[in-house]
Structures are given as structure tokens and as C-alpha cells.
C-alpha atoms as a PDB file:
ATOM      1  CA  MET A   1       0.000   0.000   0.000  1.00  0.00           C
ATOM      2  CA  LYS A   2       1.330   3.339  -1.047  1.00  0.00           C
ATOM      3  CA  ILE A   3       0.906   6.333   1.299  1.00  0.00           C
ATOM      4  CA  ASN A   4       0.440   9.701  -0.288  1.00  0.00           C
ATOM      5  CA  PHE A   5       2.913  11.789   1.709  1.00  0.00           C
ATOM      6  CA  GLN A   6       1.634  15.090   0.319  1.00  0.00           C
ATOM      7  CA  LYS A   7      -2.004  14.369   1.260  1.00  0.00           C
ATOM      8  CA  THR A   8      -1.055  13.295   4.797  1.00  0.00           C
ATOM      9  CA  THR A   9       1.013  16.450   5.343  1.00  0.00           C
ATOM     10  CA  VAL A  10      -1.834  18.670   4.143  1.00  0.00           C
ATOM     11  CA  ASN A  11      -4.256  16.902   6.479  1.00  0.00           C
ATOM     12  CA  ARG A  12      -1.831  17.325   9.395  1.00  0.00           C
ATOM     13  CA  LEU A  13      -1.456  21.025   8.625  1.00  0.00           C
ATOM     14  CA  ARG A  14      -5.228  21.439   8.470  1.00  0.00           C
ATOM     15  CA  MET A  15      -5.606  19.632  11.785  1.00  0.00           C
ATOM     16  CA  SER A  16      -2.870  21.771  13.385  1.00  0.00           C
ATOM     17  CA  GLY A  17      -4.536  24.917  12.040  1.00  0.00           C
ATOM     18  CA  ALA A  18      -7.891  23.858  13.459  1.00  0.00           C
ATOM     19  CA  VAL A  19      -6.340  23.145  16.869  1.00  0.00           C
ATOM     20  CA  LEU A  20      -4.566  26.526  16.882  1.00  0.00           C
ATOM     21  CA  MET A  21      -7.756  28.287  15.811  1.00  0.00           C
ATOM     22  CA  ALA A  22      -9.674  26.641  18.649  1.00  0.00           C
ATOM     23  CA  ALA A  23      -6.956  27.573  21.155  1.00  0.00           C
ATOM     24  CA  PHE A  24      -6.970  31.215  20.033  1.00  0.00           C
ATOM     25  CA  THR A  25     -10.760  31.340  20.170  1.00  0.00           C
ATOM     26  CA  ILE A  26     -10.887  29.928  23.697  1.00  0.00           C
ATOM     27  CA  GLY A  27      -8.052  32.189  24.799  1.00  0.00           C
ATOM     28  CA  GLY A  28      -9.724  35.206  23.247  1.00  0.00           C
ATOM     29  CA  LEU A  29     -13.045  34.493  24.900  1.00  0.00           C
ATOM     30  CA  SER A  30     -11.512  34.010  28.324  1.00  0.00           C
ATOM     31  CA  SER A  31      -9.650  37.314  28.028  1.00  0.00           C
ATOM     32  CA  CYS A  32     -13.000  39.139  27.728  1.00  0.00           C
ATOM     33  CA  ASP A  33     -13.462  38.857  31.491  1.00  0.00           C
ATOM     34  CA  ASN A  34     -13.808  42.050  33.459  1.00  0.00           C
ATOM     35  CA  GLU A  35     -10.328  43.068  34.678  1.00  0.00           C
ATOM     36  CA  ASP A  36     -11.324  43.077  38.347  1.00  0.00           C
ATOM     37  CA  ASP A  37     -13.206  39.755  37.996  1.00  0.00           C
ATOM     38  CA  GLU A  38     -16.395  41.416  39.279  1.00  0.00           C
ATOM     39  CA  PRO A  39     -19.423  40.887  37.056  1.00  0.00           C
ATOM     40  CA  ILE A  40     -20.474  44.068  35.300  1.00  0.00           C
ATOM     41  CA  VAL A  41     -24.079  43.595  36.382  1.00  0.00           C
ATOM     42  CA  ASP A  42     -23.095  43.959  40.056  1.00  0.00           C
ATOM     43  CA  THR A  43     -21.157  47.202  39.732  1.00  0.00           C
ATOM     44  CA  VAL A  44     -23.034  50.125  41.201  1.00  0.00           C
ATOM     45  CA  SER A  45     -22.352  53.649  39.979  1.00  0.00           C
ATOM     46  CA  GLN A  46     -23.078  56.937  41.726  1.00  0.00           C
ATOM     47  CA  GLN A  47     -26.071  57.311  39.384  1.00  0.00           C
ATOM     48  CA  ASP A  48     -27.397  53.945  40.597  1.00  0.00           C
ATOM     49  CA  MET A  49     -26.930  54.965  44.247  1.00  0.00           C
ATOM     50  CA  ASN A  50     -28.673  58.313  43.755  1.00  0.00           C
ATOM     51  CA  PHE A  51     -31.517  56.594  41.947  1.00  0.00           C
ATOM     52  CA  ALA A  52     -32.039  54.083  44.775  1.00  0.00           C
ATOM     53  CA  ILE A  53     -32.425  56.889  47.300  1.00  0.00           C
ATOM     54  CA  SER A  54     -34.738  58.925  45.051  1.00  0.00           C
ATOM     55  CA  ALA A  55     -36.847  55.903  44.106  1.00  0.00           C
ATOM     56  CA  SER A  56     -37.276  54.910  47.745  1.00  0.00           C
ATOM     57  CA  GLN A  57     -38.266  58.479  48.665  1.00  0.00           C
ATOM     58  CA  GLN A  58     -40.828  58.503  45.843  1.00  0.00           C
ATOM     59  CA  ALA A  59     -42.242  55.154  46.970  1.00  0.00           C
ATOM     60  CA  ASN A  60     -42.430  56.386  50.575  1.00  0.00           C
ATOM     61  CA  ALA A  61     -44.215  59.532  49.404  1.00  0.00           C
ATOM     62  CA  GLN A  62     -46.743  57.591  47.353  1.00  0.00           C
ATOM     63  CA  ILE A  63     -47.456  55.235  50.253  1.00  0.00           C
ATOM     64  CA  SER A  64     -48.009  58.233  52.555  1.00  0.00           C
ATOM     65  CA  PHE A  65     -50.173  60.087  50.031  1.00  0.00           C
ATOM     66  CA  GLY A  66     -52.219  56.978  49.348  1.00  0.00           C
ATOM     67  CA  GLN A  67     -52.892  56.500  53.054  1.00  0.00           C
ATOM     68  CA  LEU A  68     -53.723  60.201  53.465  1.00  0.00           C
ATOM     69  CA  ALA A  69     -56.176  60.049  50.565  1.00  0.00           C
ATOM     70  CA  LEU A  70     -57.882  57.038  52.128  1.00  0.00           C
ATOM     71  CA  GLU A  71     -58.437  59.146  55.266  1.00  0.00           C
ATOM     72  CA  ASN A  72     -59.250  62.555  53.736  1.00  0.00           C
ATOM     73  CA  GLY A  73     -60.669  61.685  50.337  1.00  0.00           C
ATOM     74  CA  GLU A  74     -64.346  61.463  49.514  1.00  0.00           C
ATOM     75  CA  ASP A  75     -64.936  60.313  45.944  1.00  0.00           C
ATOM     76  CA  ASP A  76     -64.937  56.549  45.397  1.00  0.00           C
ATOM     77  CA  SER A  77     -62.621  56.847  42.387  1.00  0.00           C
ATOM     78  CA  VAL A  78     -60.100  58.799  44.480  1.00  0.00           C
ATOM     79  CA  LEU A  79     -60.304  56.217  47.257  1.00  0.00           C
ATOM     80  CA  GLU A  80     -59.782  53.345  44.805  1.00  0.00           C
ATOM     81  CA  TYR A  81     -56.850  55.155  43.227  1.00  0.00           C
ATOM     82  CA  ALA A  82     -55.362  55.869  46.664  1.00  0.00           C
ATOM     83  CA  GLN A  83     -55.498  52.182  47.556  1.00  0.00           C
ATOM     84  CA  LEU A  84     -53.900  51.306  44.216  1.00  0.00           C
ATOM     85  CA  ILE A  85     -50.918  53.614  44.666  1.00  0.00           C
ATOM     86  CA  ALA A  86     -50.398  52.669  48.307  1.00  0.00           C
ATOM     87  CA  ASP A  87     -50.409  48.944  47.531  1.00  0.00           C
ATOM     88  CA  SER A  88     -48.318  49.298  44.385  1.00  0.00           C
ATOM     89  CA  ASN A  89     -45.662  51.389  46.108  1.00  0.00           C
ATOM     90  CA  ILE A  90     -45.471  49.067  49.112  1.00  0.00           C
ATOM     91  CA  GLU A  91     -44.668  46.310  46.628  1.00  0.00           C
ATOM     92  CA  SER A  92     -42.214  48.497  44.703  1.00  0.00           C
ATOM     93  CA  LYS A  93     -40.404  49.513  47.898  1.00  0.00           C
ATOM     94  CA  ALA A  94     -40.107  45.873  49.008  1.00  0.00           C
ATOM     95  CA  GLU A  95     -38.629  45.001  45.621  1.00  0.00           C
ATOM     96  CA  LEU A  96     -36.148  47.879  45.906  1.00  0.00           C
ATOM     97  CA  GLU A  97     -35.169  46.774  49.430  1.00  0.00           C
ATOM     98  CA  ALA A  98     -34.522  43.244  48.172  1.00  0.00           C
ATOM     99  CA  LEU A  99     -32.484  44.642  45.294  1.00  0.00           C
ATOM    100  CA  ALA A 100     -30.400  46.762  47.684  1.00  0.00           C
ATOM    101  CA  ASP A 101     -29.498  43.718  49.796  1.00  0.00           C
ATOM    102  CA  GLY A 102     -26.053  42.507  48.835  1.00  0.00           C
ATOM    103  CA  LYS A 103     -25.234  45.640  46.845  1.00  0.00           C
ATOM    104  CA  ASP A 104     -23.657  48.867  47.985  1.00  0.00           C
ATOM    105  CA  LEU A 105     -27.036  50.618  47.944  1.00  0.00           C
ATOM    106  CA  GLN A 106     -28.742  52.673  50.572  1.00  0.00           C
ATOM    107  CA  ILE A 107     -32.416  53.461  50.450  1.00  0.00           C
ATOM    108  CA  SER A 108     -34.419  56.042  52.335  1.00  0.00           C
ATOM    109  CA  ASP A 109     -37.182  55.546  54.854  1.00  0.00           C
ATOM    110  CA  GLY A 110     -38.272  59.179  54.516  1.00  0.00           C
ATOM    111  CA  ILE A 111     -39.475  61.700  51.973  1.00  0.00           C
ATOM    112  CA  THR A 112     -37.968  64.971  50.753  1.00  0.00           C
ATOM    113  CA  THR A 113     -38.728  68.211  52.610  1.00  0.00           C
ATOM    114  CA  GLU A 114     -40.515  69.532  49.515  1.00  0.00           C
ATOM    115  CA  ILE A 115     -42.809  66.504  49.405  1.00  0.00           C
ATOM    116  CA  GLN A 116     -43.354  66.719  53.182  1.00  0.00           C
ATOM    117  CA  ALA A 117     -44.485  70.345  52.802  1.00  0.00           C
ATOM    118  CA  ARG A 118     -46.988  69.327  50.108  1.00  0.00           C
ATOM    119  CA  TYR A 119     -48.178  66.446  52.294  1.00  0.00           C
ATOM    120  CA  ASP A 120     -48.814  68.892  55.159  1.00  0.00           C
ATOM    121  CA  GLU A 121     -50.834  71.166  52.847  1.00  0.00           C
ATOM    122  CA  LEU A 122     -52.967  68.272  51.631  1.00  0.00           C
ATOM    123  CA  ALA A 123     -53.439  66.917  55.166  1.00  0.00           C
ATOM    124  CA  ALA A 124     -55.287  70.132  56.055  1.00  0.00           C
ATOM    125  CA  LEU A 125     -57.906  69.469  53.344  1.00  0.00           C
ATOM    126  CA  GLN A 126     -60.954  67.194  53.375  1.00  0.00           C
ATOM    127  CA  GLY A 127     -63.565  65.862  50.977  1.00  0.00           C
ATOM    128  CA  GLU A 128     -63.997  67.306  47.500  1.00  0.00           C
ATOM    129  CA  GLU A 129     -61.339  69.972  48.001  1.00  0.00           C
ATOM    130  CA  PHE A 130     -58.847  67.299  49.030  1.00  0.00           C
ATOM    131  CA  ASP A 131     -59.790  65.081  46.079  1.00  0.00           C
ATOM    132  CA  LYS A 132     -59.125  67.853  43.562  1.00  0.00           C
ATOM    133  CA  GLU A 133     -55.796  68.965  45.049  1.00  0.00           C
ATOM    134  CA  PHE A 134     -54.651  65.396  45.634  1.00  0.00           C
ATOM    135  CA  ILE A 135     -55.260  64.196  42.086  1.00  0.00           C
ATOM    136  CA  ASN A 136     -53.650  67.302  40.548  1.00  0.00           C
ATOM    137  CA  PHE A 137     -50.610  66.793  42.755  1.00  0.00           C
ATOM    138  CA  GLN A 138     -50.508  63.106  41.842  1.00  0.00           C
ATOM    139  CA  ILE A 139     -50.161  63.921  38.160  1.00  0.00           C
ATOM    140  CA  ASP A 140     -47.235  66.271  38.897  1.00  0.00           C
ATOM    141  CA  LEU A 141     -45.578  63.740  41.199  1.00  0.00           C
ATOM    142  CA  LEU A 142     -45.969  60.971  38.631  1.00  0.00           C
ATOM    143  CA  ASN A 143     -44.399  63.165  35.940  1.00  0.00           C
ATOM    144  CA  ASN A 144     -41.391  63.643  38.242  1.00  0.00           C
ATOM    145  CA  SER A 145     -41.250  59.902  38.894  1.00  0.00           C
ATOM    146  CA  MET A 146     -41.314  59.174  35.168  1.00  0.00           C
ATOM    147  CA  SER A 147     -38.340  61.508  34.618  1.00  0.00           C
ATOM    148  CA  MET A 148     -36.432  59.832  37.444  1.00  0.00           C
ATOM    149  CA  TYR A 149     -37.014  56.330  36.037  1.00  0.00           C
ATOM    150  CA  GLU A 150     -36.176  57.408  32.473  1.00  0.00           C
ATOM    151  CA  ASN A 151     -32.930  58.963  33.701  1.00  0.00           C
ATOM    152  CA  GLN A 152     -31.944  55.687  35.384  1.00  0.00           C
ATOM    153  CA  ILE A 153     -32.791  53.683  32.273  1.00  0.00           C
ATOM    154  CA  ASP A 154     -30.676  56.027  30.129  1.00  0.00           C
ATOM    155  CA  ASN A 155     -27.757  56.585  32.519  1.00  0.00           C
ATOM    156  CA  GLY A 156     -27.660  53.772  35.064  1.00  0.00           C
ATOM    157  CA  GLU A 157     -24.838  51.254  34.898  1.00  0.00           C
ATOM    158  CA  ASN A 158     -26.287  48.384  36.910  1.00  0.00           C
ATOM    159  CA  PHE A 159     -28.482  46.176  34.740  1.00  0.00           C
ATOM    160  CA  THR A 160     -30.569  44.935  37.663  1.00  0.00           C
ATOM    161  CA  ILE A 161     -31.294  48.431  38.963  1.00  0.00           C
ATOM    162  CA  SER A 162     -32.067  49.710  35.464  1.00  0.00           C
ATOM    163  CA  GLY A 163     -34.368  46.717  34.966  1.00  0.00           C
ATOM    164  CA  TYR A 164     -36.194  47.723  38.142  1.00  0.00           C
ATOM    165  CA  ALA A 165     -36.496  51.263  36.749  1.00  0.00           C
ATOM    166  CA  GLU A 166     -37.848  49.995  33.437  1.00  0.00           C
ATOM    167  CA  LYS A 167     -40.464  47.817  35.127  1.00  0.00           C
ATOM    168  CA  ASN A 168     -41.557  50.613  37.440  1.00  0.00           C
ATOM    169  CA  LEU A 169     -41.653  53.215  34.679  1.00  0.00           C
ATOM    170  CA  ALA A 170     -44.403  51.176  33.043  1.00  0.00           C
ATOM    171  CA  ILE A 171     -46.286  51.045  36.358  1.00  0.00           C
ATOM    172  CA  VAL A 172     -45.918  54.797  36.887  1.00  0.00           C
ATOM    173  CA  LYS A 173     -47.252  55.445  33.381  1.00  0.00           C
ATOM    174  CA  ASP A 174     -50.268  53.279  34.198  1.00  0.00           C
ATOM    175  CA  HIS A 175     -50.793  55.189  37.452  1.00  0.00           C
ATOM    176  CA  LYS A 176     -50.628  58.498  35.599  1.00  0.00           C
ATOM    177  CA  ALA A 177     -53.207  57.319  33.060  1.00  0.00           C
ATOM    178  CA  GLU A 178     -55.434  56.215  35.948  1.00  0.00           C
ATOM    179  CA  ALA A 179     -54.953  59.577  37.718  1.00  0.00           C
ATOM    180  CA  ILE A 180     -56.005  61.423  34.562  1.00  0.00           C
ATOM    181  CA  LEU A 181     -59.146  59.280  34.396  1.00  0.00           C
ATOM    182  CA  VAL A 182     -59.908  59.997  38.055  1.00  0.00           C
ATOM    183  CA  LYS A 183     -59.377  63.713  37.443  1.00  0.00           C
ATOM    184  CA  ALA A 184     -61.835  63.607  34.544  1.00  0.00           C
ATOM    185  CA  GLU A 185     -64.324  61.625  36.614  1.00  0.00           C
ATOM    186  CA  ILE A 186     -64.298  63.978  39.574  1.00  0.00           C
ATOM    187  CA  GLY A 187     -64.321  66.910  37.150  1.00  0.00           C
ATOM    188  CA  LEU A 188     -67.624  65.597  35.790  1.00  0.00           C
ATOM    189  CA  GLU A 189     -68.979  65.677  39.314  1.00  0.00           C
ATOM    190  CA  GLY A 190     -68.504  69.428  39.617  1.00  0.00           C
ATOM    191  CA  LEU A 191     -64.944  69.760  40.913  1.00  0.00           C
END
């Protein structure tokens, strides 16, 4: 039996080339690791930290305003909306607290002084007057919340925190649409 030396050499070269190609590919992929061996998703930027504090303050405010509306509100649509925002923000805050565990994130248990001042103004009102002022304020507060969430989505570095922002932006948009409907409904009733 005659062995074709040329064919065997070509096959060996092809095999060697394939092995080298595989080695370079594996080596190249493993060199894509983050230099400090910390997963990118777990890095937390200053933007992420600021967002966590602001988002927790917004959730605290909405919980407080929802509870206040349940006490001082009169119209059934306002009361239903108040329960919705209180419940939704309790859930959102719990999710944010869970997200902050294990990360270098602090969250707030309070609200801003500006929001506290508005809360105090609304707390002095009752009935129809409260309903009107509350729902108008809600629309403004929700617009601010939307801007905060959009900023995190655009500028945040942590994928998990930005995912939280994206999920909650959709919820805030739904709440704003509901607030506009409530405003129209109580407007039809003479407010």
C-alpha cells in the first residue's frame, strides 16, 4: 500500500490549524473577562446609588399620600386610586429593598422636605377639596417619577437596577393614566 505523503502532510497542517484556531478562540473568549473579575451587572455607579435613594423616597411619598387620601378623600374613584398607589408602592419599595441587599445601595425611609411640605398642605384638606388637590398633585408627582425612572434607564450602569427602573416606569405610566381618568371623573362631578 502506497501512502500519499503530500495528502497526509496537508491533512496534518489542516488539523494543526484547526487546533490553533480553537486555542486562540478559547483564549480570546476568556480574556474578555472584566479586569477586576467582578461581574459588570453587580457594579453600582453613583447614578445607581442616587436613583435608589430617590426611588425609595418617591415610593415612601406615594405610600403616605395613598394612606392620606384614604383618610381625607371622599370620591370613590379617588379612594380606589389611593389604595392602588399605596399597595403598588409598598410592593415596589419591598422590591427595591430586596435589590439593595447585597449591593452597595442605601435606600431612604423618609421623603424629601418639599414633598413633606406638600403632604402637610394636603393633610389640612378634606372631601372634594382634598380630592381635587390630591389628584392634581398626583399627576405632577408621577411626571417627576417618570423623569427619574427614564434617567436611570438612560444613565444607570447596573443592569438589575435599570431593569427595576424599566419595570416601574411602566407602572408609573399606568398610574398616571389612571390619575387622569380619576381627574376627569371627579371633574364631571362638579370639581
